[in-house]
Amino acid sequence: MATWSSLPDKALQIIFEDLKDLYMHPRNVSHVCRQWRKVANAHEYLWEDIKLMQGLTPAGVDYVQACLDRTPSSDVGVVIIGTAIPEATLVDKFMDLIEKHRQRIYDFVYKGPHGSSILARVTFPLDVLVALDIHDEPSTESGALWLQPPWVPSKDQFKQLNAICFDKARLAWNIPTGAFSTLLELRLNGYDQGILPTMSELLDLLEGCPSLRVLTMICSLPHVGTPTAIDTKGRILELPQLWSLQLGDRAENVANFLSHVKFPKRQLLRFELYYGNTPEMIATQMLLAAFNMVKHIVGPQALHPGPASMECSEVYMQSGPKGWKFWFKTSISGSRRSIEKPEVWFEVRPHPSAPFQQKFNTLEFSRVLYNIISGTTWAENPPNCVHILWRQLPGGPPAPARGAWLGVFQRLPRLDSLELAFGVTTAQLEALTPGPDGIVVCPLLDELTIYVGNNDENVFLALRECVMQRAMKGRKLHELKLRGPTSLVIPDGISRCLAAAVMHFNIILGVNAQVPTNDECHGQHGPVENDTDSEDAEEGSDDESDGPQGEEEDKHDGSQEEEEGDHESSQAEDEGDE
């Protein structure tokens, strides 16, 4: 099949005419057809989404001008993505085009070097702008062009703005009251660069967004220990419409922010907690943040005080080159039906700016995990359902030994459902096996689900010993689910022993047995609910999405969210190839 660039102009124009009813990216033909202005004039709707994937180049600016000239009656979206440093004359020409057509631009995205300087030049009103997204890529090149002052929006600059995303952009936080009154989504990503707001400036900003639904702040909170972390007005701000909160920062900064706000509608709270340079700091910060987090949901100081309990908790663990990562999710229900069941999700990870390698031993790992579990049990009872998804990445600390897992399971006396995924380890199974003293950890354990990644005889032997010893102690499992790849071969003798030692033994191999990756465990849209009381939970666990970047993606069938994600990723790859 001939490529676009190999087709002559006339043939390309004929194809363009024949496919005018199909969705086509205009950049497919913009730089290979000398008559593309004529083609664009014939099909205006094809040029409403203006995208430059190589940044601001002379040809790209001409392309933007042609698109704007050929769509006089349509609102347009402008997306600029690239790593090249634009020249000052190109920036001036580009911003003149934006200002000239400001009443038609509904979406403006810039991802490249000196995004803050581009933002500072947006001084004119944008009446129909709905979304503004600025990613400021770092650059070592300086000059008069990039010495722009921080951006300050005017009060009447936006009339329909619904979403803002600033990634390392330089902002002036003395934002006029009412500038963002229509805002529904606010995302700030600082990574300790640029100018951080004071607590008073941050609360002023949030107070000026009465309709805010989604709030994401990564490394953008005032630092505890500095005068900027204290609100001079002594406020506790209430965000009545907020349903999604994601905070990524050091635990003390997160806890300080939580002490200044209230969330009447707590449908989803998500925290990314970054720890310091020493392992000792992890437990202290983790416990402090967990305490303050749960205090805003249940307990005497919450909006709905009274007894509460944790219905289901999920613990996700990963070992990587920079150290341990933890994810913890819990649903908390109150004593009254009128109280909503919020999902609280938080993560402990190395700080993004940490250039060094974090090293921790297994005892420190278990101690931190204890604090995660016990710190969130502000309620009366510990969780009864835990999903432990453990993954050992190359270059990371060693996997926890039996003693570490034993300490974890001993703190879950009410546990009746347990899932060990990402490849169960012998240490996990040995910790669940009754010891010589006859003590059985997790005595109420009724359902056990494990994922065996390879034909490791030691894992099968440890599983058989665990199941049989529990049965001999009067703690026979009601159901055992063994998942694995299609290549998994279970020895006949072990399979018969397992079937005899439990009431129901299920083997699930292949696609349906795969567990979700870290990318699918949690994400920017937050975790999803799991139904642990039905067989649908086997497939439901594959429906969680959006997690940390950089992990492998497992393929699952029957998941609408995954299909949408695959569609978006394939579309992004197509755009990159083009």
Protein backbone atom coordinates (compact mmCIF):
# COMPACT_ATOMS: atom_id res chain seq x y z
CA MET A 1 0.00 0.00 0.00
CA ALA A 2 1.40 3.38 -1.00
CA THR A 3 2.15 5.89 1.73
CA TRP A 4 0.77 9.41 1.74
CA SER A 5 4.13 10.91 0.87
CA SER A 6 4.51 8.73 -2.24
CA LEU A 7 1.23 9.81 -3.84
CA PRO A 8 1.16 12.63 -6.40
CA ASP A 9 -0.84 15.72 -5.60
CA LYS A 10 -3.71 14.94 -7.97
CA ALA A 11 -4.14 11.37 -6.71
CA LEU A 12 -3.99 12.59 -3.13
CA GLN A 13 -6.69 15.16 -3.78
CA ILE A 14 -8.95 12.54 -5.40
CA ILE A 15 -8.55 10.24 -2.39
CA PHE A 16 -9.25 13.16 -0.12
CA GLU A 17 -12.50 13.85 -1.97
CA ASP A 18 -13.58 10.21 -1.81
CA LEU A 19 -12.87 9.92 1.93
CA LYS A 20 -14.30 13.26 2.96
CA ASP A 21 -16.90 11.61 5.18
CA LEU A 22 -14.27 9.69 7.16
CA TYR A 23 -12.27 11.06 10.06
CA MET A 24 -8.78 12.07 8.87
CA HIS A 25 -5.98 13.89 10.60
CA PRO A 26 -5.07 16.93 8.49
CA ARG A 27 -1.41 16.51 9.35
CA ASN A 28 -1.45 13.35 7.23
CA VAL A 29 -1.44 15.53 4.14
CA SER A 30 -0.36 18.96 5.33
CA HIS A 31 3.32 18.59 4.50
CA VAL A 32 3.20 16.30 1.47
CA CYS A 33 0.63 17.98 -0.74
CA ARG A 34 1.49 21.35 -2.29
CA GLN A 35 -2.21 22.01 -2.86
CA TRP A 36 -3.32 21.29 0.70
CA ARG A 37 -4.71 24.81 1.15
CA LYS A 38 -7.19 24.13 -1.65
CA VAL A 39 -8.08 20.79 -0.16
CA ALA A 40 -8.59 22.37 3.25
CA ASN A 41 -10.83 25.00 1.75
CA ALA A 42 -13.04 22.26 0.32
CA HIS A 43 -13.39 20.40 3.63
CA GLU A 44 -13.44 22.85 6.50
CA TYR A 45 -14.37 20.39 9.24
CA LEU A 46 -11.17 18.42 8.69
CA TRP A 47 -9.08 21.34 9.93
CA GLU A 48 -10.87 22.22 13.15
CA ASP A 49 -8.39 20.29 15.33
CA ILE A 50 -5.00 21.89 14.80
CA LYS A 51 -2.14 19.70 15.99
CA LEU A 52 1.60 20.21 15.64
CA MET A 53 3.61 17.24 16.84
CA GLN A 54 7.05 18.80 16.12
CA GLY A 55 6.55 22.01 18.07
CA LEU A 56 6.61 25.55 16.71
CA THR A 57 8.49 25.41 13.42
CA PRO A 58 8.19 27.80 10.45
CA ALA A 59 6.19 25.23 8.49
CA GLY A 60 4.06 24.50 11.54
CA VAL A 61 3.13 28.15 12.11
CA ASP A 62 2.19 28.45 8.43
CA TYR A 63 0.08 25.34 8.84
CA VAL A 64 -1.73 26.86 11.84
CA GLN A 65 -2.42 30.02 9.87
CA ALA A 66 -3.79 28.06 6.92
CA CYS A 67 -6.08 26.03 9.19
CA LEU A 68 -7.43 29.13 10.91
CA ASP A 69 -7.98 30.91 7.59
CA ARG A 70 -9.83 27.94 6.11
CA THR A 71 -12.21 27.48 9.07
CA PRO A 72 -13.75 30.93 9.49
CA SER A 73 -17.05 29.65 10.89
CA SER A 74 -15.83 26.92 13.27
CA ASP A 75 -14.42 26.82 16.78
CA VAL A 76 -10.97 25.23 16.80
CA GLY A 77 -8.67 23.44 19.20
CA VAL A 78 -4.92 24.09 19.13
CA VAL A 79 -2.44 21.46 20.35
CA ILE A 80 1.32 22.10 20.20
CA ILE A 81 3.60 19.24 21.28
CA GLY A 82 7.35 19.15 20.74
CA THR A 83 10.80 19.40 22.27
CA ALA A 84 12.35 21.95 19.90
CA ILE A 85 13.01 25.41 21.33
CA PRO A 86 11.05 27.90 19.19
CA GLU A 87 12.53 31.15 17.98
CA ALA A 88 11.24 34.45 19.32
CA THR A 89 9.88 35.54 15.95
CA LEU A 90 7.90 32.31 15.60
CA VAL A 91 6.42 32.72 19.07
CA ASP A 92 5.36 36.28 18.26
CA LYS A 93 3.76 35.19 14.99
CA PHE A 94 2.01 32.25 16.62
CA MET A 95 0.61 34.31 19.51
CA ASP A 96 -0.59 36.96 17.06
CA LEU A 97 -2.62 34.23 15.34
CA ILE A 98 -4.05 33.05 18.66
CA GLU A 99 -5.04 36.59 19.61
CA LYS A 100 -6.57 37.27 16.19
CA HIS A 101 -8.78 34.18 16.43
CA ARG A 102 -9.28 34.22 20.23
CA GLN A 103 -13.08 34.14 19.94
CA ARG A 104 -12.94 30.74 18.21
CA ILE A 105 -10.38 28.79 20.29
CA TYR A 106 -12.08 26.38 22.70
CA ASP A 107 -9.05 24.23 23.61
CA PHE A 108 -5.42 25.30 23.95
CA VAL A 109 -2.62 22.83 24.75
CA TYR A 110 1.11 23.56 24.75
CA LYS A 111 3.64 20.90 25.73
CA GLY A 112 7.19 22.00 25.12
CA PRO A 113 10.06 24.18 26.33
CA HIS A 114 9.25 27.58 27.83
CA GLY A 115 5.57 26.90 28.21
CA SER A 116 5.40 29.48 30.99
CA SER A 117 6.56 32.18 28.58
CA ILE A 118 3.88 31.13 26.11
CA LEU A 119 1.34 31.31 28.93
CA ALA A 120 2.53 34.76 30.02
CA ARG A 121 1.71 36.08 26.55
CA VAL A 122 -1.94 35.06 26.87
CA THR A 123 -3.13 38.49 28.02
CA PHE A 124 -6.20 38.73 25.80
CA PRO A 125 -9.68 37.35 26.61
CA LEU A 126 -10.60 33.85 25.44
CA ASP A 127 -14.38 33.85 25.48
CA VAL A 128 -15.06 30.28 24.33
CA LEU A 129 -12.00 28.55 25.85
CA VAL A 130 -13.07 25.46 27.76
CA ALA A 131 -9.73 23.75 28.53
CA LEU A 132 -6.24 25.19 29.07
CA ASP A 133 -3.27 22.81 29.33
CA ILE A 134 0.32 24.05 29.68
CA HIS A 135 3.27 21.67 30.16
CA ASP A 136 6.52 23.56 30.63
CA GLU A 137 9.40 21.31 29.57
CA PRO A 138 12.71 22.34 31.17
CA SER A 139 15.30 24.01 28.96
CA THR A 140 18.81 25.28 29.63
CA GLU A 141 18.60 27.97 26.96
CA SER A 142 17.88 31.45 28.24
CA GLY A 143 17.26 34.82 26.70
CA ALA A 144 15.08 37.88 26.86
CA LEU A 145 12.16 35.96 25.33
CA TRP A 146 11.99 33.58 28.27
CA LEU A 147 12.29 36.17 31.03
CA GLN A 148 8.56 36.74 31.07
CA PRO A 149 6.89 37.46 34.44
CA PRO A 150 4.59 34.80 35.94
CA TRP A 151 1.16 34.63 34.35
CA VAL A 152 -1.71 36.44 36.07
CA PRO A 153 -5.18 35.92 34.55
CA SER A 154 -7.55 38.84 34.43
CA LYS A 155 -10.98 38.67 36.01
CA ASP A 156 -12.84 38.69 32.69
CA GLN A 157 -10.35 36.67 30.67
CA PHE A 158 -12.39 33.44 30.71
CA LYS A 159 -16.15 32.95 30.56
CA GLN A 160 -16.50 29.22 29.87
CA LEU A 161 -13.28 27.73 31.25
CA ASN A 162 -13.94 24.30 32.78
CA ALA A 163 -10.52 22.65 33.06
CA ILE A 164 -6.98 23.82 33.77
CA CYS A 165 -3.82 21.71 33.81
CA PHE A 166 -0.49 23.37 34.63
CA ASP A 167 2.61 21.18 34.60
CA LYS A 168 5.67 23.01 35.98
CA ALA A 169 4.26 26.31 34.72
CA ARG A 170 5.23 29.57 36.42
CA LEU A 171 2.14 31.18 37.88
CA ALA A 172 1.47 34.24 39.96
CA TRP A 173 -0.82 33.03 42.70
CA ASN A 174 -2.49 36.37 43.42
CA ILE A 175 -5.32 35.39 41.09
CA PRO A 176 -8.24 37.84 40.98
CA THR A 177 -11.47 36.70 42.58
CA GLY A 178 -13.86 35.29 39.99
CA ALA A 179 -11.23 34.51 37.36
CA PHE A 180 -11.93 30.76 37.66
CA SER A 181 -15.54 30.84 38.83
CA THR A 182 -16.63 28.32 36.15
CA LEU A 183 -13.78 25.88 36.79
CA LEU A 184 -14.71 22.21 37.27
CA GLU A 185 -11.27 20.59 37.15
CA LEU A 186 -7.93 21.91 38.42
CA ARG A 187 -4.63 20.06 38.01
CA LEU A 188 -1.34 21.49 39.26
CA ASN A 189 1.93 19.62 38.84
CA GLY A 190 4.89 21.39 40.39
CA TYR A 191 7.62 18.82 41.06
CA ASP A 192 9.32 21.41 43.27
CA GLN A 193 9.91 23.78 40.35
CA GLY A 194 8.57 27.24 39.79
CA ILE A 195 6.83 29.22 42.51
CA LEU A 196 4.77 27.34 45.09
CA PRO A 197 1.68 29.03 46.52
CA THR A 198 1.30 29.94 50.15
CA MET A 199 -1.53 28.30 52.05
CA SER A 200 -3.49 31.56 51.99
CA GLU A 201 -3.04 31.91 48.22
CA LEU A 202 -4.02 28.29 47.67
CA LEU A 203 -7.18 28.60 49.75
CA ASP A 204 -8.04 31.85 47.98
CA LEU A 205 -7.72 30.03 44.65
CA LEU A 206 -9.95 27.15 45.76
CA GLU A 207 -12.45 29.52 47.34
CA GLY A 208 -12.80 31.19 43.95
CA CYS A 209 -13.81 27.85 42.36
CA PRO A 210 -17.22 27.12 43.93
CA SER A 211 -18.09 24.47 41.31
CA LEU A 212 -14.81 22.54 41.51
CA ARG A 213 -15.31 18.78 41.00
CA VAL A 214 -11.77 17.41 40.50
CA LEU A 215 -8.64 18.64 42.28
CA THR A 216 -5.16 17.25 41.59
CA MET A 217 -2.04 18.76 43.15
CA ILE A 218 1.32 17.03 42.68
CA CYS A 219 4.25 18.62 44.52
CA SER A 220 2.33 21.90 44.60
CA LEU A 221 1.51 22.19 48.31
CA PRO A 222 3.17 24.66 50.68
CA HIS A 223 6.07 23.14 52.59
CA VAL A 224 5.55 22.50 56.28
CA GLY A 225 8.10 24.31 58.41
CA THR A 226 7.95 27.51 56.40
CA PRO A 227 5.74 30.55 57.05
CA THR A 228 3.95 29.91 53.75
CA ALA A 229 2.33 26.73 55.14
CA ILE A 230 0.07 28.69 57.52
CA ASP A 231 -3.14 30.39 56.46
CA THR A 232 -3.07 33.91 57.81
CA LYS A 233 -6.88 33.98 57.92
CA GLY A 234 -7.20 30.80 59.98
CA ARG A 235 -9.73 29.23 57.60
CA ILE A 236 -11.08 25.72 57.19
CA LEU A 237 -12.38 25.79 53.63
CA GLU A 238 -15.31 23.64 52.57
CA LEU A 239 -15.40 22.28 49.01
CA PRO A 240 -19.05 21.24 48.64
CA GLN A 241 -18.91 19.96 45.05
CA LEU A 242 -15.59 18.09 45.16
CA TRP A 243 -15.84 14.39 44.40
CA SER A 244 -12.27 13.53 43.35
CA LEU A 245 -9.15 14.58 45.24
CA GLN A 246 -5.58 13.55 44.44
CA LEU A 247 -2.67 14.94 46.43
CA GLY A 248 0.93 13.98 45.69
CA ASP A 249 3.48 15.39 48.09
CA ARG A 250 5.36 14.72 51.27
CA ALA A 251 3.11 13.35 53.97
CA GLU A 252 3.47 16.33 56.29
CA ASN A 253 2.47 18.70 53.48
CA VAL A 254 -0.58 16.58 52.68
CA ALA A 255 -1.60 16.41 56.33
CA ASN A 256 -1.24 20.18 56.67
CA PHE A 257 -3.48 20.78 53.65
CA LEU A 258 -6.11 18.34 54.94
CA SER A 259 -6.29 20.28 58.19
CA HIS A 260 -7.47 23.35 56.23
CA VAL A 261 -10.25 21.78 54.13
CA LYS A 262 -13.47 19.78 54.42
CA PHE A 263 -15.05 17.46 51.87
CA PRO A 264 -18.81 16.93 52.33
CA LYS A 265 -18.99 14.62 49.30
CA ARG A 266 -16.17 12.16 49.84
CA GLN A 267 -16.73 9.78 46.98
CA LEU A 268 -13.07 9.41 46.07
CA LEU A 269 -9.91 10.51 47.84
CA ARG A 270 -6.49 9.60 46.51
CA PHE A 271 -3.11 10.41 47.96
CA GLU A 272 0.43 9.95 46.65
CA LEU A 273 2.75 10.34 49.61
CA TYR A 274 6.43 10.94 48.90
CA TYR A 275 8.90 9.95 51.59
CA GLY A 276 12.29 11.37 52.49
CA ASN A 277 15.85 10.14 52.37
CA THR A 278 15.85 7.68 55.26
CA PRO A 279 13.66 4.65 55.97
CA GLU A 280 12.84 6.00 59.43
CA MET A 281 11.02 8.93 57.86
CA ILE A 282 8.66 6.65 55.98
CA ALA A 283 6.80 5.21 58.94
CA THR A 284 6.48 8.56 60.71
CA GLN A 285 5.18 10.43 57.67
CA MET A 286 2.97 7.54 56.63
CA LEU A 287 1.29 7.29 60.00
CA LEU A 288 0.82 11.05 60.25
CA ALA A 289 -0.79 11.32 56.82
CA ALA A 290 -2.99 8.25 57.35
CA PHE A 291 -4.19 9.61 60.68
CA ASN A 292 -5.15 12.99 59.26
CA MET A 293 -6.66 11.43 56.16
CA VAL A 294 -9.00 9.10 58.02
CA LYS A 295 -9.82 11.79 60.57
CA HIS A 296 -11.60 13.70 57.81
CA ILE A 297 -13.73 10.67 56.93
CA VAL A 298 -14.70 8.97 60.19
CA GLY A 299 -14.15 9.73 63.82
CA PRO A 300 -15.10 12.49 66.24
CA GLN A 301 -13.87 15.33 64.04
CA ALA A 302 -15.50 14.15 60.82
CA LEU A 303 -18.57 15.68 59.22
CA HIS A 304 -20.51 12.48 60.02
CA PRO A 305 -19.14 11.34 63.40
CA GLY A 306 -19.98 7.99 64.84
CA PRO A 307 -18.93 4.33 64.65
CA ALA A 308 -17.57 3.16 61.33
CA SER A 309 -15.86 0.10 59.92
CA MET A 310 -13.58 -0.78 57.04
CA GLU A 311 -15.43 -3.09 54.69
CA CYS A 312 -12.68 -3.97 52.23
CA SER A 313 -9.03 -3.04 51.86
CA GLU A 314 -6.57 -3.68 49.09
CA VAL A 315 -2.82 -3.52 49.51
CA TYR A 316 -0.61 -3.26 46.45
CA MET A 317 3.16 -3.55 46.85
CA GLN A 318 6.04 -3.23 44.45
CA SER A 319 9.80 -3.32 44.76
CA GLY A 320 11.78 -1.19 42.29
CA PRO A 321 15.24 0.31 41.83
CA LYS A 322 14.36 3.31 44.02
CA GLY A 323 12.80 1.33 46.82
CA TRP A 324 9.42 0.15 47.98
CA LYS A 325 6.12 1.45 46.68
CA PHE A 326 2.80 0.86 48.40
CA TRP A 327 -0.79 1.38 47.37
CA PHE A 328 -3.62 1.04 49.83
CA LYS A 329 -7.34 1.31 49.17
CA THR A 330 -10.19 1.04 51.62
CA SER A 331 -13.93 1.60 51.66
CA ILE A 332 -15.29 2.93 54.94
CA SER A 333 -18.96 2.65 55.86
CA GLY A 334 -20.68 4.48 58.68
CA SER A 335 -23.35 3.42 61.11
CA ARG A 336 -26.04 5.30 59.20
CA ARG A 337 -27.25 4.53 55.71
CA SER A 338 -27.18 8.21 54.77
CA ILE A 339 -23.40 8.32 55.03
CA GLU A 340 -21.65 7.84 51.73
CA LYS A 341 -19.06 5.10 51.36
CA PRO A 342 -15.91 6.91 50.28
CA GLU A 343 -13.01 5.12 48.70
CA VAL A 344 -9.69 6.19 50.15
CA TRP A 345 -6.63 5.39 48.12
CA PHE A 346 -3.10 6.40 48.93
CA GLU A 347 0.36 5.53 47.73
CA VAL A 348 3.81 5.79 49.25
CA ARG A 349 6.64 6.22 46.79
CA PRO A 350 10.07 7.87 46.50
CA HIS A 351 10.02 11.59 45.88
CA PRO A 352 10.13 12.38 42.12
CA SER A 353 13.19 14.58 42.59
CA ALA A 354 15.17 11.88 44.42
CA PRO A 355 18.15 11.01 42.16
CA PHE A 356 19.59 8.35 44.43
CA GLN A 357 18.69 4.74 45.02
CA GLN A 358 16.60 3.94 48.06
CA LYS A 359 17.48 0.79 50.00
CA PHE A 360 15.28 -0.83 52.63
CA ASN A 361 15.36 -4.14 54.41
CA THR A 362 12.44 -6.47 54.89
CA LEU A 363 11.89 -5.44 58.50
CA GLU A 364 11.47 -1.83 57.44
CA PHE A 365 9.09 -3.00 54.73
CA SER A 366 6.87 -4.83 57.22
CA ARG A 367 6.98 -1.94 59.69
CA VAL A 368 5.78 0.51 57.07
CA LEU A 369 3.07 -1.88 55.96
CA TYR A 370 1.92 -2.26 59.56
CA ASN A 371 1.56 1.49 59.81
CA ILE A 372 -0.41 1.60 56.57
CA ILE A 373 -2.89 -0.96 57.83
CA SER A 374 -3.09 0.10 61.48
CA GLY A 375 -2.97 3.80 60.64
CA THR A 376 -6.17 3.54 58.62
CA THR A 377 -8.02 1.44 61.20
CA TRP A 378 -9.39 4.47 62.97
CA ALA A 379 -12.61 2.50 62.78
CA GLU A 380 -13.53 -0.25 65.21
CA ASN A 381 -12.45 -3.30 63.20
CA PRO A 382 -9.58 -4.20 60.88
CA PRO A 383 -10.34 -5.14 57.26
CA ASN A 384 -11.73 -8.54 56.38
CA CYS A 385 -10.76 -8.62 52.69
CA VAL A 386 -7.24 -7.85 51.47
CA HIS A 387 -5.73 -8.10 48.01
CA ILE A 388 -1.93 -8.24 48.17
CA LEU A 389 -0.49 -7.65 44.72
CA TRP A 390 3.24 -8.04 45.06
CA ARG A 391 5.68 -7.49 42.20
CA GLN A 392 9.46 -7.74 42.34
CA LEU A 393 11.07 -5.48 39.73
CA PRO A 394 14.71 -5.85 38.59
CA GLY A 395 17.17 -3.89 40.68
CA GLY A 396 14.86 -3.56 43.66
CA PRO A 397 15.32 -4.67 47.27
CA PRO A 398 14.89 -8.36 48.08
CA ALA A 399 11.43 -9.78 48.55
CA PRO A 400 10.11 -9.93 52.12
CA ALA A 401 10.84 -13.13 53.99
CA ARG A 402 8.39 -15.30 55.93
CA GLY A 403 8.76 -13.24 59.10
CA ALA A 404 7.71 -10.03 57.39
CA TRP A 405 4.59 -11.60 55.87
CA LEU A 406 3.78 -13.34 59.15
CA GLY A 407 3.71 -9.99 60.90
CA VAL A 408 1.36 -8.65 58.23
CA PHE A 409 -1.10 -11.54 58.47
CA GLN A 410 -1.06 -11.49 62.27
CA ARG A 411 -2.52 -7.98 62.13
CA LEU A 412 -5.50 -9.17 60.09
CA PRO A 413 -7.43 -11.40 62.53
CA ARG A 414 -10.80 -10.81 60.79
CA LEU A 415 -9.51 -11.65 57.33
CA ASP A 416 -11.88 -14.00 55.47
CA SER A 417 -10.84 -13.32 51.86
CA LEU A 418 -7.25 -13.01 50.64
CA GLU A 419 -5.79 -12.63 47.16
CA LEU A 420 -2.06 -13.05 46.48
CA ALA A 421 -1.35 -11.91 42.95
CA PHE A 422 1.53 -10.99 40.62
CA GLY A 423 3.09 -14.37 41.39
CA VAL A 424 2.68 -15.82 44.87
CA THR A 425 5.91 -16.40 46.81
CA THR A 426 6.83 -19.30 49.07
CA ALA A 427 7.35 -16.80 51.90
CA GLN A 428 3.71 -15.72 51.69
CA LEU A 429 2.44 -19.30 51.76
CA GLU A 430 4.79 -20.27 54.59
CA ALA A 431 3.48 -17.33 56.63
CA LEU A 432 -0.08 -18.63 56.21
CA THR A 433 0.96 -22.16 57.24
CA PRO A 434 0.41 -23.05 60.91
CA GLY A 435 3.72 -23.24 62.76
CA PRO A 436 5.05 -25.81 65.24
CA ASP A 437 3.28 -23.94 68.05
CA GLY A 438 -0.07 -24.70 66.39
CA ILE A 439 -1.08 -21.04 66.05
CA VAL A 440 -3.08 -20.33 62.88
CA VAL A 441 -2.80 -16.83 61.46
CA CYS A 442 -5.95 -15.42 59.87
CA PRO A 443 -8.13 -18.07 61.54
CA LEU A 444 -11.27 -16.86 59.77
CA LEU A 445 -9.73 -17.17 56.29
CA ASP A 446 -12.38 -18.76 54.09
CA GLU A 447 -11.39 -17.88 50.52
CA LEU A 448 -7.86 -17.84 49.12
CA THR A 449 -6.97 -16.74 45.59
CA ILE A 450 -3.39 -17.03 44.34
CA TYR A 451 -1.64 -16.45 41.04
CA VAL A 452 1.24 -18.79 40.18
CA GLY A 453 3.38 -17.28 37.44
CA ASN A 454 5.63 -20.25 36.62
CA ASN A 455 6.08 -23.97 37.22
CA ASP A 456 7.98 -23.57 40.47
CA GLU A 457 7.84 -26.84 42.39
CA ASN A 458 8.65 -25.09 45.66
CA VAL A 459 5.55 -22.90 45.33
CA PHE A 460 3.31 -25.93 44.72
CA LEU A 461 4.81 -27.76 47.71
CA ALA A 462 4.38 -24.71 49.94
CA LEU A 463 0.77 -24.33 48.79
CA ARG A 464 0.00 -27.98 49.51
CA GLU A 465 1.58 -27.75 52.96
CA CYS A 466 -0.32 -24.56 53.76
CA VAL A 467 -3.72 -25.89 52.73
CA MET A 468 -3.31 -29.30 54.36
CA GLN A 469 -1.96 -27.93 57.65
CA ARG A 470 -4.81 -25.45 57.93
CA ALA A 471 -7.30 -28.26 57.28
CA MET A 472 -5.68 -30.42 59.96
CA LYS A 473 -6.01 -27.54 62.45
CA GLY A 474 -9.73 -27.25 61.74
CA ARG A 475 -9.36 -24.20 59.45
CA LYS A 476 -10.34 -25.80 56.17
CA LEU A 477 -10.69 -23.37 53.28
CA HIS A 478 -14.11 -23.06 51.71
CA GLU A 479 -12.71 -22.09 48.30
CA LEU A 480 -9.25 -22.10 46.73
CA LYS A 481 -8.73 -20.37 43.38
CA LEU A 482 -5.48 -21.06 41.57
CA ARG A 483 -4.75 -18.80 38.63
CA GLY A 484 -1.90 -18.91 36.16
CA PRO A 485 -0.82 -18.78 32.52
CA THR A 486 -1.79 -21.44 30.00
CA SER A 487 1.71 -22.92 30.29
CA LEU A 488 1.23 -23.68 33.98
CA VAL A 489 1.40 -27.40 34.79
CA ILE A 490 0.13 -28.50 38.19
CA PRO A 491 1.47 -31.91 39.29
CA ASP A 492 -1.32 -34.47 39.57
CA GLY A 493 -0.41 -35.47 43.11
CA ILE A 494 -0.49 -31.89 44.36
CA SER A 495 -3.71 -31.16 42.49
CA ARG A 496 -5.45 -34.13 44.15
CA CYS A 497 -4.20 -33.09 47.60
CA LEU A 498 -5.44 -29.54 47.10
CA ALA A 499 -8.85 -30.73 45.94
CA ALA A 500 -9.16 -32.99 48.97
CA ALA A 501 -8.05 -30.34 51.48
CA VAL A 502 -10.58 -27.65 50.46
CA MET A 503 -14.31 -27.64 49.79
CA HIS A 504 -14.11 -25.99 46.35
CA PHE A 505 -10.98 -25.99 44.19
CA ASN A 506 -10.97 -23.92 40.99
CA ILE A 507 -8.16 -23.70 38.43
CA ILE A 508 -8.28 -20.74 36.04
CA LEU A 509 -5.62 -20.62 33.34
CA GLY A 510 -5.11 -18.29 30.40
CA VAL A 511 -6.40 -14.80 29.74
CA ASN A 512 -9.14 -14.91 32.37
CA ALA A 513 -6.57 -15.79 35.02
CA GLN A 514 -4.35 -12.79 34.49
CA VAL A 515 -4.23 -10.26 37.27
CA PRO A 516 -4.28 -6.50 36.67
CA THR A 517 -0.98 -4.71 36.27
CA ASN A 518 -0.05 -1.71 38.36
CA ASP A 519 -1.26 0.42 35.45
CA GLU A 520 -4.69 -1.12 35.94
CA CYS A 521 -4.77 -1.07 39.74
CA HIS A 522 -5.19 2.66 40.19
CA GLY A 523 -5.14 5.77 38.13
CA GLN A 524 -5.88 9.44 37.48
CA HIS A 525 -9.58 8.59 37.53
CA GLY A 526 -9.22 6.66 40.78
CA PRO A 527 -9.91 3.06 41.72
CA VAL A 528 -13.13 1.30 40.88
CA GLU A 529 -15.34 -0.81 43.08
CA ASN A 530 -14.80 -4.55 43.40
CA ASP A 531 -17.51 -7.09 44.05
CA THR A 532 -15.87 -9.62 46.31
CA ASP A 533 -19.11 -11.47 47.06
CA SER A 534 -19.71 -13.00 43.64
CA GLU A 535 -17.89 -14.90 40.97
CA ASP A 536 -17.99 -11.77 38.85
CA ALA A 537 -15.21 -10.44 41.04
CA GLU A 538 -12.84 -12.74 39.18
CA GLU A 539 -13.31 -10.71 36.07
CA GLY A 540 -14.08 -7.48 37.90
CA SER A 541 -10.56 -7.34 39.29
CA ASP A 542 -9.34 -6.91 35.74
CA ASP A 543 -11.38 -3.76 35.24
CA GLU A 544 -9.36 -1.39 37.35
CA SER A 545 -7.28 1.04 35.36
CA ASP A 546 -4.90 3.98 35.31
CA GLY A 547 -1.86 3.51 37.48
CA PRO A 548 1.80 4.42 37.61
CA GLN A 549 3.57 4.77 34.33
CA GLY A 550 6.34 2.52 33.13
CA GLU A 551 4.82 -0.91 33.84
CA GLU A 552 3.97 -3.66 31.41
CA GLU A 553 0.34 -3.87 30.35
CA ASP A 554 -1.50 -7.16 30.61
CA LYS A 555 -4.23 -7.95 28.11
CA HIS A 556 -7.71 -8.72 29.40
CA ASP A 557 -10.95 -9.65 27.72
CA GLY A 558 -14.40 -8.40 28.59
CA SER A 559 -13.29 -5.07 30.03
CA GLN A 560 -14.80 -1.98 28.52
CA GLU A 561 -12.31 0.29 30.26
CA GLU A 562 -9.42 -1.67 28.84
CA GLU A 563 -10.83 -1.53 25.34
CA GLU A 564 -11.13 2.21 25.61
CA GLY A 565 -7.58 2.43 26.94
CA ASP A 566 -6.27 0.27 24.10
CA HIS A 567 -8.12 2.45 21.61
CA GLU A 568 -6.61 5.60 23.09
CA SER A 569 -3.11 4.12 23.21
CA SER A 570 -3.31 2.89 19.63
CA GLN A 571 -4.56 6.28 18.53
CA ALA A 572 -1.67 7.94 20.35
CA GLU A 573 0.78 5.57 18.62
CA ASP A 574 -0.74 6.40 15.27
CA GLU A 575 -0.36 10.08 16.01
CA GLY A 576 3.27 9.55 16.96
CA ASP A 577 3.99 7.60 13.79
CA GLU A 578 2.38 10.31 11.71
